[in-house]
Amino acid sequence: MKSNQILTAMLVATTAAFAPIAATAEEAHVAPVKEFISANVEAWLTDPVVVGAIKEQNAKTSGLSQADVDKLDQDWRAQATAADKPFVNEVLARELSKFLMEKKEGSEGMITEMFVMDAKGLNVGQSDVTSDYWQGDEAKWQNTYGAGPGVVFVDGVEEDESTQALQSQASVTISDPESGEPIGAITVGINLDML
């Protein structure tokens, strides 16, 4: 009986000793991703194209019920892979989407995708078609806009099926430069193989 207790204590101690190493290895991408966002993205989050588009959409979507949001999301999902996609095409044609496409192209492959969300978590503009229109039920919106100004949330590492590159999404609260109040958020896909 005593040897079982000693063995259990040794296993617990060994597991506890290696847990910080595993956590550190798992989160090794977080610091470089945050550095990239700070150096390459945050400066243009106060651009009038970004702020103006979010404020304009917030004025339009502020009175939407959850049922309205769900309907918009369902419409988007149905159109995202369809041949006829007027809703998706309208969002992709916006000035903000064009701005994001230019920023993505200028990153020379470092940025894999970008989309800006409003105060409800609905897409305002994007560089690429997203699978859904409403992000309000996801950590990328809840852990940024929902957490307040100045927040950067870095998600886990994923492998992009089409490119086989490792990537992570970093999301940032976007605040009104005049009031400092959060008005939306942005999610930026980062190619970790290029960091």
C-alpha atoms as a PDB file:
ATOM      1  CA  MET A   1       0.000   0.000   0.000  1.00  0.00           C
ATOM      2  CA  LYS A   2       2.788   2.401   0.896  1.00  0.00           C
ATOM      3  CA  SER A   3       4.567   1.798  -2.414  1.00  0.00           C
ATOM      4  CA  ASN A   4       1.363   2.695  -4.302  1.00  0.00           C
ATOM      5  CA  GLN A   5       1.109   5.964  -2.381  1.00  0.00           C
ATOM      6  CA  ILE A   6       4.769   6.744  -3.065  1.00  0.00           C
ATOM      7  CA  LEU A   7       4.321   5.937  -6.764  1.00  0.00           C
ATOM      8  CA  THR A   8       1.208   8.129  -6.938  1.00  0.00           C
ATOM      9  CA  ALA A   9       3.043  10.990  -5.221  1.00  0.00           C
ATOM     10  CA  MET A  10       5.935  10.634  -7.675  1.00  0.00           C
ATOM     11  CA  LEU A  11       3.559  10.683 -10.666  1.00  0.00           C
ATOM     12  CA  VAL A  12       1.780  13.772  -9.351  1.00  0.00           C
ATOM     13  CA  ALA A  13       5.106  15.535  -8.749  1.00  0.00           C
ATOM     14  CA  THR A  14       6.411  14.601 -12.212  1.00  0.00           C
ATOM     15  CA  THR A  15       3.202  15.751 -13.901  1.00  0.00           C
ATOM     16  CA  ALA A  16       3.265  19.017 -11.958  1.00  0.00           C
ATOM     17  CA  ALA A  17       6.903  19.595 -12.905  1.00  0.00           C
ATOM     18  CA  PHE A  18       6.260  19.151 -16.628  1.00  0.00           C
ATOM     19  CA  ALA A  19       2.903  20.959 -16.813  1.00  0.00           C
ATOM     20  CA  PRO A  20       4.448  24.463 -17.086  1.00  0.00           C
ATOM     21  CA  ILE A  21       6.752  23.267 -19.879  1.00  0.00           C
ATOM     22  CA  ALA A  22       3.811  21.827 -21.829  1.00  0.00           C
ATOM     23  CA  ALA A  23       1.778  25.003 -21.331  1.00  0.00           C
ATOM     24  CA  THR A  24       4.729  27.150 -22.393  1.00  0.00           C
ATOM     25  CA  ALA A  25       5.330  25.075 -25.527  1.00  0.00           C
ATOM     26  CA  GLU A  26       1.642  25.162 -26.388  1.00  0.00           C
ATOM     27  CA  GLU A  27       1.485  28.933 -26.009  1.00  0.00           C
ATOM     28  CA  ALA A  28       4.865  29.747 -27.565  1.00  0.00           C
ATOM     29  CA  HIS A  29       3.111  31.397 -30.507  1.00  0.00           C
ATOM     30  CA  VAL A  30       1.204  33.923 -28.378  1.00  0.00           C
ATOM     31  CA  ALA A  31       4.034  36.418 -27.706  1.00  0.00           C
ATOM     32  CA  PRO A  32       5.277  36.647 -31.341  1.00  0.00           C
ATOM     33  CA  VAL A  33       1.698  36.943 -32.621  1.00  0.00           C
ATOM     34  CA  LYS A  34       1.003  39.785 -30.179  1.00  0.00           C
ATOM     35  CA  GLU A  35       4.257  41.477 -31.238  1.00  0.00           C
ATOM     36  CA  PHE A  36       3.248  41.215 -34.901  1.00  0.00           C
ATOM     37  CA  ILE A  37      -0.197  42.691 -34.170  1.00  0.00           C
ATOM     38  CA  SER A  38       1.339  45.536 -32.142  1.00  0.00           C
ATOM     39  CA  ALA A  39       3.893  46.379 -34.833  1.00  0.00           C
ATOM     40  CA  ASN A  40       1.790  45.819 -37.948  1.00  0.00           C
ATOM     41  CA  VAL A  41      -1.941  46.068 -37.256  1.00  0.00           C
ATOM     42  CA  GLU A  42      -2.839  48.237 -34.266  1.00  0.00           C
ATOM     43  CA  ALA A  43      -1.700  51.493 -35.909  1.00  0.00           C
ATOM     44  CA  TRP A  44      -4.359  51.335 -38.620  1.00  0.00           C
ATOM     45  CA  LEU A  45      -7.254  50.240 -36.376  1.00  0.00           C
ATOM     46  CA  THR A  46      -8.028  53.931 -35.813  1.00  0.00           C
ATOM     47  CA  ASP A  47      -8.094  54.669 -39.552  1.00  0.00           C
ATOM     48  CA  PRO A  48     -11.293  56.554 -40.492  1.00  0.00           C
ATOM     49  CA  VAL A  49     -12.200  53.770 -42.958  1.00  0.00           C
ATOM     50  CA  VAL A  50     -12.224  51.224 -40.106  1.00  0.00           C
ATOM     51  CA  VAL A  51     -13.830  53.369 -37.414  1.00  0.00           C
ATOM     52  CA  GLY A  52     -16.378  54.955 -39.767  1.00  0.00           C
ATOM     53  CA  ALA A  53     -17.547  51.604 -41.149  1.00  0.00           C
ATOM     54  CA  ILE A  54     -18.019  50.116 -37.681  1.00  0.00           C
ATOM     55  CA  LYS A  55     -19.896  53.165 -36.357  1.00  0.00           C
ATOM     56  CA  GLU A  56     -22.141  53.203 -39.413  1.00  0.00           C
ATOM     57  CA  GLN A  57     -22.996  49.523 -39.044  1.00  0.00           C
ATOM     58  CA  ASN A  58     -23.476  49.816 -35.263  1.00  0.00           C
ATOM     59  CA  ALA A  59     -26.111  52.493 -35.944  1.00  0.00           C
ATOM     60  CA  LYS A  60     -27.903  50.082 -38.303  1.00  0.00           C
ATOM     61  CA  THR A  61     -27.620  46.908 -36.201  1.00  0.00           C
ATOM     62  CA  SER A  62     -28.097  48.249 -32.669  1.00  0.00           C
ATOM     63  CA  GLY A  63     -31.817  47.467 -32.660  1.00  0.00           C
ATOM     64  CA  LEU A  64     -31.554  43.946 -34.078  1.00  0.00           C
ATOM     65  CA  SER A  65     -32.978  41.124 -31.988  1.00  0.00           C
ATOM     66  CA  GLN A  66     -31.169  37.810 -31.618  1.00  0.00           C
ATOM     67  CA  ALA A  67     -33.691  36.326 -34.073  1.00  0.00           C
ATOM     68  CA  ASP A  68     -32.709  39.029 -36.610  1.00  0.00           C
ATOM     69  CA  VAL A  69     -29.017  38.250 -36.073  1.00  0.00           C
ATOM     70  CA  ASP A  70     -29.640  34.519 -36.474  1.00  0.00           C
ATOM     71  CA  LYS A  71     -31.553  35.129 -39.728  1.00  0.00           C
ATOM     72  CA  LEU A  72     -28.696  37.234 -41.162  1.00  0.00           C
ATOM     73  CA  ASP A  73     -26.215  34.521 -40.165  1.00  0.00           C
ATOM     74  CA  GLN A  74     -28.354  31.803 -41.787  1.00  0.00           C
ATOM     75  CA  ASP A  75     -28.644  33.853 -44.989  1.00  0.00           C
ATOM     76  CA  TRP A  76     -24.876  34.357 -45.048  1.00  0.00           C
ATOM     77  CA  ARG A  77     -24.109  30.661 -44.463  1.00  0.00           C
ATOM     78  CA  ALA A  78     -26.455  29.678 -47.289  1.00  0.00           C
ATOM     79  CA  GLN A  79     -24.779  32.146 -49.660  1.00  0.00           C
ATOM     80  CA  ALA A  80     -21.133  31.646 -48.605  1.00  0.00           C
ATOM     81  CA  THR A  81     -20.642  28.664 -50.913  1.00  0.00           C
ATOM     82  CA  ALA A  82     -23.459  29.348 -53.398  1.00  0.00           C
ATOM     83  CA  ALA A  83     -23.025  30.674 -56.939  1.00  0.00           C
ATOM     84  CA  ASP A  84     -25.455  33.523 -56.263  1.00  0.00           C
ATOM     85  CA  LYS A  85     -24.398  35.457 -53.175  1.00  0.00           C
ATOM     86  CA  PRO A  86     -25.676  39.046 -53.169  1.00  0.00           C
ATOM     87  CA  PHE A  87     -25.309  39.508 -49.380  1.00  0.00           C
ATOM     88  CA  VAL A  88     -21.724  38.180 -49.340  1.00  0.00           C
ATOM     89  CA  ASN A  89     -20.788  40.185 -52.430  1.00  0.00           C
ATOM     90  CA  GLU A  90     -22.226  43.384 -50.922  1.00  0.00           C
ATOM     91  CA  VAL A  91     -20.005  43.009 -47.836  1.00  0.00           C
ATOM     92  CA  LEU A  92     -16.933  42.161 -49.944  1.00  0.00           C
ATOM     93  CA  ALA A  93     -17.531  45.267 -52.086  1.00  0.00           C
ATOM     94  CA  ARG A  94     -17.471  47.650 -49.103  1.00  0.00           C
ATOM     95  CA  GLU A  95     -14.666  50.178 -48.728  1.00  0.00           C
ATOM     96  CA  LEU A  96     -13.582  48.498 -45.471  1.00  0.00           C
ATOM     97  CA  SER A  97     -13.309  45.088 -47.167  1.00  0.00           C
ATOM     98  CA  LYS A  98     -11.153  46.598 -49.917  1.00  0.00           C
ATOM     99  CA  PHE A  99      -8.987  48.250 -47.228  1.00  0.00           C
ATOM    100  CA  LEU A 100      -8.538  44.872 -45.484  1.00  0.00           C
ATOM    101  CA  MET A 101      -7.748  43.120 -48.774  1.00  0.00           C
ATOM    102  CA  GLU A 102      -4.994  45.684 -49.438  1.00  0.00           C
ATOM    103  CA  LYS A 103      -3.527  45.223 -45.954  1.00  0.00           C
ATOM    104  CA  LYS A 104      -3.581  41.436 -46.381  1.00  0.00           C
ATOM    105  CA  GLU A 105      -1.908  41.667 -49.794  1.00  0.00           C
ATOM    106  CA  GLY A 106       0.712  44.032 -48.391  1.00  0.00           C
ATOM    107  CA  SER A 107       1.622  41.506 -45.682  1.00  0.00           C
ATOM    108  CA  GLU A 108       3.188  39.224 -48.331  1.00  0.00           C
ATOM    109  CA  GLY A 109       1.572  36.072 -46.938  1.00  0.00           C
ATOM    110  CA  MET A 110       1.941  36.817 -43.222  1.00  0.00           C
ATOM    111  CA  ILE A 111      -1.771  37.643 -42.873  1.00  0.00           C
ATOM    112  CA  THR A 112      -4.038  34.831 -44.075  1.00  0.00           C
ATOM    113  CA  GLU A 113      -7.394  36.559 -43.510  1.00  0.00           C
ATOM    114  CA  MET A 114      -8.997  39.504 -41.712  1.00  0.00           C
ATOM    115  CA  PHE A 115     -12.485  40.511 -40.738  1.00  0.00           C
ATOM    116  CA  VAL A 116     -13.901  43.360 -38.687  1.00  0.00           C
ATOM    117  CA  MET A 117     -16.923  42.889 -36.413  1.00  0.00           C
ATOM    118  CA  ASP A 118     -19.421  45.370 -35.011  1.00  0.00           C
ATOM    119  CA  ALA A 119     -20.833  45.714 -31.485  1.00  0.00           C
ATOM    120  CA  LYS A 120     -23.074  42.680 -32.052  1.00  0.00           C
ATOM    121  CA  GLY A 121     -20.314  40.505 -33.505  1.00  0.00           C
ATOM    122  CA  LEU A 122     -21.585  40.838 -37.086  1.00  0.00           C
ATOM    123  CA  ASN A 123     -19.063  41.190 -39.926  1.00  0.00           C
ATOM    124  CA  VAL A 124     -18.567  44.759 -41.128  1.00  0.00           C
ATOM    125  CA  GLY A 125     -15.827  44.038 -43.664  1.00  0.00           C
ATOM    126  CA  GLN A 126     -13.464  41.211 -44.544  1.00  0.00           C
ATOM    127  CA  SER A 127     -10.584  40.235 -46.767  1.00  0.00           C
ATOM    128  CA  ASP A 128     -12.018  36.799 -47.559  1.00  0.00           C
ATOM    129  CA  VAL A 129     -15.410  35.086 -47.322  1.00  0.00           C
ATOM    130  CA  THR A 130     -16.009  33.772 -43.813  1.00  0.00           C
ATOM    131  CA  SER A 131     -18.116  30.677 -43.165  1.00  0.00           C
ATOM    132  CA  ASP A 132     -20.463  32.669 -40.930  1.00  0.00           C
ATOM    133  CA  TYR A 133     -21.580  36.285 -40.572  1.00  0.00           C
ATOM    134  CA  TRP A 134     -22.121  36.394 -36.804  1.00  0.00           C
ATOM    135  CA  GLN A 135     -19.055  35.971 -34.580  1.00  0.00           C
ATOM    136  CA  GLY A 136     -20.786  37.103 -31.369  1.00  0.00           C
ATOM    137  CA  ASP A 137     -21.010  33.559 -30.032  1.00  0.00           C
ATOM    138  CA  GLU A 138     -17.260  32.962 -30.455  1.00  0.00           C
ATOM    139  CA  ALA A 139     -14.213  33.695 -28.278  1.00  0.00           C
ATOM    140  CA  LYS A 140     -12.711  36.022 -30.925  1.00  0.00           C
ATOM    141  CA  TRP A 141     -15.501  38.538 -30.229  1.00  0.00           C
ATOM    142  CA  GLN A 142     -16.367  37.701 -26.614  1.00  0.00           C
ATOM    143  CA  ASN A 143     -12.745  37.939 -25.430  1.00  0.00           C
ATOM    144  CA  THR A 144     -12.117  41.275 -27.168  1.00  0.00           C
ATOM    145  CA  TYR A 145     -15.124  43.549 -27.635  1.00  0.00           C
ATOM    146  CA  GLY A 146     -16.830  41.801 -24.726  1.00  0.00           C
ATOM    147  CA  ALA A 147     -13.750  42.301 -22.517  1.00  0.00           C
ATOM    148  CA  GLY A 148     -13.227  46.014 -23.176  1.00  0.00           C
ATOM    149  CA  PRO A 149     -10.649  48.330 -24.769  1.00  0.00           C
ATOM    150  CA  GLY A 150      -7.017  47.401 -25.345  1.00  0.00           C
ATOM    151  CA  VAL A 151      -7.547  43.624 -25.391  1.00  0.00           C
ATOM    152  CA  VAL A 152      -5.631  41.267 -27.700  1.00  0.00           C
ATOM    153  CA  PHE A 153      -6.796  37.636 -27.707  1.00  0.00           C
ATOM    154  CA  VAL A 154      -4.658  34.989 -29.440  1.00  0.00           C
ATOM    155  CA  ASP A 155      -6.389  31.726 -30.282  1.00  0.00           C
ATOM    156  CA  GLY A 156      -4.813  28.277 -30.578  1.00  0.00           C
ATOM    157  CA  VAL A 157      -2.711  26.965 -33.451  1.00  0.00           C
ATOM    158  CA  GLU A 158      -4.455  25.356 -36.424  1.00  0.00           C
ATOM    159  CA  GLU A 159      -3.280  23.887 -39.701  1.00  0.00           C
ATOM    160  CA  ASP A 160      -4.753  25.562 -42.767  1.00  0.00           C
ATOM    161  CA  GLU A 161      -6.160  22.705 -44.851  1.00  0.00           C
ATOM    162  CA  SER A 162      -5.535  24.429 -48.182  1.00  0.00           C
ATOM    163  CA  THR A 163      -1.983  25.676 -47.549  1.00  0.00           C
ATOM    164  CA  GLN A 164      -0.823  23.216 -44.843  1.00  0.00           C
ATOM    165  CA  ALA A 165       0.622  26.234 -43.013  1.00  0.00           C
ATOM    166  CA  LEU A 166       0.277  26.623 -39.264  1.00  0.00           C
ATOM    167  CA  GLN A 167      -1.788  29.631 -38.327  1.00  0.00           C
ATOM    168  CA  SER A 168      -3.409  31.337 -35.377  1.00  0.00           C
ATOM    169  CA  GLN A 169      -6.066  34.014 -35.155  1.00  0.00           C
ATOM    170  CA  ALA A 170      -5.400  37.152 -33.152  1.00  0.00           C
ATOM    171  CA  SER A 171      -8.391  39.309 -32.254  1.00  0.00           C
ATOM    172  CA  VAL A 172      -8.233  42.897 -31.015  1.00  0.00           C
ATOM    173  CA  THR A 173     -10.826  45.240 -29.548  1.00  0.00           C
ATOM    174  CA  ILE A 174     -11.363  48.305 -31.753  1.00  0.00           C
ATOM    175  CA  SER A 175     -12.189  51.459 -29.810  1.00  0.00           C
ATOM    176  CA  ASP A 176     -13.503  54.847 -30.896  1.00  0.00           C
ATOM    177  CA  PRO A 177     -10.396  57.102 -30.957  1.00  0.00           C
ATOM    178  CA  GLU A 178     -12.460  60.014 -29.622  1.00  0.00           C
ATOM    179  CA  SER A 179     -14.250  58.365 -26.702  1.00  0.00           C
ATOM    180  CA  GLY A 180     -12.023  55.347 -26.046  1.00  0.00           C
ATOM    181  CA  GLU A 181     -15.153  53.163 -25.931  1.00  0.00           C
ATOM    182  CA  PRO A 182     -15.103  49.766 -27.654  1.00  0.00           C
ATOM    183  CA  ILE A 183     -17.073  49.788 -30.912  1.00  0.00           C
ATOM    184  CA  GLY A 184     -16.082  46.436 -32.430  1.00  0.00           C
ATOM    185  CA  ALA A 185     -13.206  44.028 -32.984  1.00  0.00           C
ATOM    186  CA  ILE A 186     -10.945  42.622 -35.671  1.00  0.00           C
ATOM    187  CA  THR A 187      -9.686  39.085 -36.211  1.00  0.00           C
ATOM    188  CA  VAL A 188      -6.423  38.595 -38.091  1.00  0.00           C
ATOM    189  CA  GLY A 189      -5.198  35.184 -39.252  1.00  0.00           C
ATOM    190  CA  ILE A 190      -1.397  34.940 -38.882  1.00  0.00           C
ATOM    191  CA  ASN A 191       0.791  32.487 -40.812  1.00  0.00           C
ATOM    192  CA  LEU A 192       2.947  31.124 -37.978  1.00  0.00           C
ATOM    193  CA  ASP A 193       5.411  29.545 -40.416  1.00  0.00           C
ATOM    194  CA  MET A 194       6.447  33.091 -41.383  1.00  0.00           C
ATOM    195  CA  LEU A 195       6.908  34.467 -37.840  1.00  0.00           C
END
